[in-house]
Protein backbone atom coordinates (compact mmCIF):
# COMPACT_ATOMS: atom_id res chain seq x y z
CA ILE A 1 167.03 -62.34 135.27
CA ALA A 2 168.53 -61.61 131.82
CA ASN A 3 165.13 -59.42 131.29
CA SER A 4 165.68 -57.66 134.61
CA THR A 5 169.41 -57.09 133.56
CA GLY A 6 168.31 -55.51 130.66
CA ARG A 7 166.61 -53.30 132.36
CA MET A 8 168.70 -52.12 134.68
CA GLN A 9 171.43 -51.71 132.03
CA ARG A 10 168.65 -49.86 130.05
CA LEU A 11 168.03 -47.64 132.92
CA ILE A 12 171.69 -46.88 133.56
CA GLU A 13 172.28 -45.70 130.36
CA GLN A 14 169.03 -42.85 130.50
CA LEU A 15 170.63 -41.92 133.17
CA GLN A 16 174.02 -41.23 131.59
CA ARG A 17 172.31 -39.30 128.63
CA ARG A 18 169.97 -37.50 130.74
CA GLU A 19 170.58 -34.00 131.01
CA ILE A 20 170.76 -33.31 134.98
CA GLN A 21 171.57 -29.76 134.69
CA SER A 22 167.99 -28.60 134.00
CA LEU A 23 166.52 -30.80 136.88
CA LYS A 24 168.46 -29.52 139.77
CA ARG A 25 166.38 -27.71 142.39
CA HIS A 26 167.51 -26.71 146.22
CA VAL A 27 166.06 -29.96 147.92
CA GLN A 28 165.69 -29.96 151.45
CA PHE A 29 167.34 -33.60 152.00
CA GLY A 30 165.95 -35.04 155.37
CA ASP A 31 162.74 -34.58 154.04
CA VAL A 32 163.99 -36.53 150.59
CA ALA A 33 164.98 -39.33 152.80
CA ARG A 34 162.16 -39.67 155.63
CA GLN A 35 160.02 -40.55 152.16
CA ALA A 36 162.45 -42.49 150.53
CA SER A 37 162.57 -44.68 154.17
CA SER A 38 159.25 -44.62 154.11
CA ARG A 39 158.90 -46.44 150.61
CA CYS A 40 161.21 -49.32 151.79
CA GLN A 41 158.79 -50.08 155.28
CA GLY A 42 157.29 -53.15 153.09
CA ARG A 43 160.81 -55.06 153.65
CA GLU A 44 162.55 -56.43 156.92
CA PRO A 45 164.17 -54.83 158.62
CA LYS A 46 162.56 -51.28 158.65
CA PRO A 47 165.09 -49.13 158.23
CA ALA A 48 165.15 -46.56 161.32
CA CYS A 49 165.65 -42.86 160.88
CA ASP A 50 168.12 -41.52 163.41
CA SER A 51 169.92 -38.17 163.27
CA ILE A 52 168.05 -36.65 160.48
CA VAL A 53 168.74 -33.12 160.62
CA ASP A 54 166.19 -31.03 159.02
CA ASP A 55 167.48 -27.65 157.78
CA ILE A 56 169.94 -29.46 154.95
CA TRP A 57 169.99 -28.04 151.40
CA ILE A 58 171.69 -29.91 148.55
CA GLU A 59 170.93 -28.76 144.99
CA ALA A 60 169.51 -31.92 143.26
CA ASP A 61 167.36 -33.66 140.90
CA PRO A 62 164.57 -34.88 143.76
CA GLU A 63 163.72 -38.48 141.46
CA ARG A 64 167.66 -39.44 141.60
CA LEU A 65 167.82 -38.34 144.54
CA THR A 66 165.09 -40.18 146.03
CA MET A 67 166.79 -42.99 143.89
CA VAL A 68 170.24 -42.99 145.42
CA VAL A 69 168.23 -42.94 149.06
CA GLU A 70 166.35 -45.94 148.32
CA HIS A 71 169.05 -48.13 146.95
CA VAL A 72 171.61 -47.46 149.39
CA ILE A 73 168.51 -48.26 152.05
CA ARG A 74 167.27 -51.66 149.92
CA ASN A 75 171.30 -52.58 149.61
CA ALA A 76 171.51 -52.86 153.17
CA GLN A 77 168.21 -54.48 153.82
CA GLU A 78 168.97 -57.59 151.09
CA ALA A 79 172.23 -57.65 153.24
CA THR A 80 170.45 -58.01 156.41
CA PRO A 81 168.73 -60.49 158.37
CA ALA A 82 164.90 -59.65 159.03
CA ASP A 83 165.84 -59.48 162.70
CA GLY A 84 169.04 -56.97 161.92
CA ARG A 85 169.15 -53.49 162.04
CA VAL A 86 169.19 -50.79 159.06
CA THR A 87 169.80 -46.84 160.23
CA CYS A 88 169.39 -44.15 158.05
CA ARG A 89 170.99 -40.31 158.88
CA VAL A 90 171.37 -37.39 157.37
CA VAL A 91 174.22 -35.12 158.91
CA CYS A 92 175.69 -31.76 157.85
CA SER A 93 179.87 -31.54 158.48
CA ALA A 94 182.17 -29.13 157.45
CA GLY A 95 179.98 -28.04 154.73
CA LYS A 96 178.98 -31.48 153.26
CA THR A 97 175.84 -33.24 153.76
CA ILE A 98 176.47 -37.01 154.45
CA LEU A 99 173.64 -39.37 153.76
CA GLU A 100 174.70 -42.58 156.15
CA VAL A 101 172.88 -45.91 155.82
CA GLU A 102 174.56 -48.05 158.72
CA ASP A 103 173.22 -52.03 159.03
CA ASN A 104 174.58 -55.28 160.91
CA GLY A 105 174.01 -57.82 158.18
CA VAL A 106 176.67 -59.90 156.23
CA GLY A 107 178.95 -56.73 155.85
CA ILE A 108 181.76 -56.89 153.23
CA THR A 109 185.68 -56.23 153.21
CA GLU A 110 187.82 -53.84 152.33
CA ALA A 111 188.48 -55.62 149.09
CA GLN A 112 184.90 -56.35 148.15
CA ALA A 113 184.45 -51.90 149.27
CA GLU A 114 186.27 -50.96 146.43
CA MET A 115 184.32 -53.46 143.51
CA VAL A 116 180.67 -53.16 144.57
CA PHE A 117 180.09 -49.61 142.55
CA GLU A 118 181.12 -51.67 139.37
CA ARG A 119 178.00 -52.51 137.23
CA PHE A 120 176.98 -56.54 138.09
CA TYR A 121 179.39 -57.09 141.11
CA ARG A 122 177.49 -58.65 143.89
CA VAL A 123 179.36 -59.82 146.65
CA ASP A 124 180.22 -63.49 146.47
CA ASP A 125 178.71 -65.01 150.17
CA ALA A 126 175.27 -62.57 149.26
CA SER A 127 172.25 -64.94 150.06
CA THR A 128 170.43 -62.06 148.82
CA GLU A 129 168.46 -60.70 145.26
CA GLY A 130 169.42 -57.89 142.86
CA SER A 131 171.11 -57.26 139.49
CA GLY A 132 174.31 -55.75 141.12
CA LEU A 133 173.36 -52.58 139.30
CA GLY A 134 171.78 -50.71 142.43
CA LEU A 135 175.01 -49.46 143.75
CA ALA A 136 176.57 -48.60 140.35
CA ILE A 137 172.90 -46.38 139.66
CA VAL A 138 174.03 -45.10 142.79
CA GLN A 139 177.78 -44.26 142.16
CA GLU A 140 176.57 -42.68 138.40
CA ILE A 141 173.57 -40.39 140.02
CA ALA A 142 176.48 -39.16 142.58
CA THR A 143 178.82 -38.47 140.39
CA GLN A 144 176.17 -36.34 138.39
CA HIS A 145 175.61 -34.18 141.54
CA ASN A 146 179.32 -33.97 142.54
CA ALA A 147 178.88 -36.21 145.56
CA THR A 148 180.83 -39.21 146.26
CA ALA A 149 180.17 -42.60 147.54
CA SER A 150 181.65 -45.20 149.80
CA LEU A 151 180.13 -48.53 151.24
CA ARG A 152 182.94 -50.48 153.88
CA PRO A 153 183.05 -52.57 156.93
CA ASN A 154 181.11 -51.40 159.73
CA SER A 155 183.79 -49.94 162.15
CA ALA A 156 181.61 -50.52 165.03
CA GLY A 157 181.15 -54.29 164.86
CA ARG A 158 179.17 -56.58 162.12
CA GLY A 159 177.82 -55.14 159.04
CA ALA A 160 178.42 -52.80 156.51
CA VAL A 161 178.13 -48.14 156.32
CA ALA A 162 177.08 -46.74 152.50
CA ARG A 163 177.81 -43.12 152.99
CA VAL A 164 176.72 -40.14 150.18
CA ILE A 165 178.41 -37.03 150.54
CA PHE A 166 176.65 -34.02 148.93
CA PRO A 167 178.19 -30.67 149.00
CA THR A 168 175.60 -28.17 151.14
CA TRP A 169 173.73 -25.78 149.13
CA LYS A 170 173.43 -22.23 150.67
CA PRO A 171 171.54 -19.22 150.17
CA PRO A 172 173.29 -16.66 148.61
CA PRO A 173 173.50 -13.84 150.90
CA PRO A 174 170.61 -11.37 150.97
CA PRO A 175 171.55 -7.65 149.13
CA PRO A 176 172.55 -4.65 150.91
CA PRO A 177 169.19 -2.82 151.96
CA LEU A 178 168.41 0.01 150.24
CA PRO A 179 169.08 3.41 151.64
CA ASP A 180 166.51 5.74 153.46
CA ASP A 181 167.17 8.82 151.38
CA PHE A 182 167.72 7.90 147.28
CA SER A 183 169.11 11.82 146.59
CA GLU A 184 172.44 9.98 147.20
CA LEU A 185 171.80 7.66 144.56
CA TYR A 186 170.26 10.03 142.28
CA ARG A 187 173.59 12.13 142.49
CA GLN A 188 175.79 8.99 141.67
CA SER A 189 173.73 7.79 138.50
CA PRO A 190 175.00 9.57 135.29
CA PRO A 191 172.05 11.55 133.55
CA LEU A 192 169.38 10.11 131.52
CA GLY A 193 170.42 10.51 127.41
CA THR A 194 174.13 10.61 127.84
């Protein structure tokens, strides 16, 4: 346990030190969510992808974005019995891209929800594995991407709902069309050599 915890602590420190700006690209979030969900299929309950909108883009480091989605899904799987349900969604609302992972597992209280993103925090009654660092990593990566992360009790009943909300990337508008007649541009340009 101490060895695993030490590795996770080093991972968080590396994430904090690594320059992220150079790693950001325009990423189609639906593709990343599906890939991460498919990586989590080896564990019960298998995550279902529901309402994943395809044409939502964000500016992100794809590797770290995948890590966020996987951690959130695995967290839900660990808190949910094998015959339970874990559902992953990606939607866009008001210029924001929302990753939502809902489960019908053990759930959390509002008080626990305020603490789950702290390093090494584990829900008291959790009979799950883990070091208590997964959601701390999610929070760190979310912050690096100007995103917010939350985990709340499921208002629809048992379980919890994790949300990570990113700014949606919109491509810049296209440049104005070129004129058919360039003679006007030549008249407006100063003579060369002046």
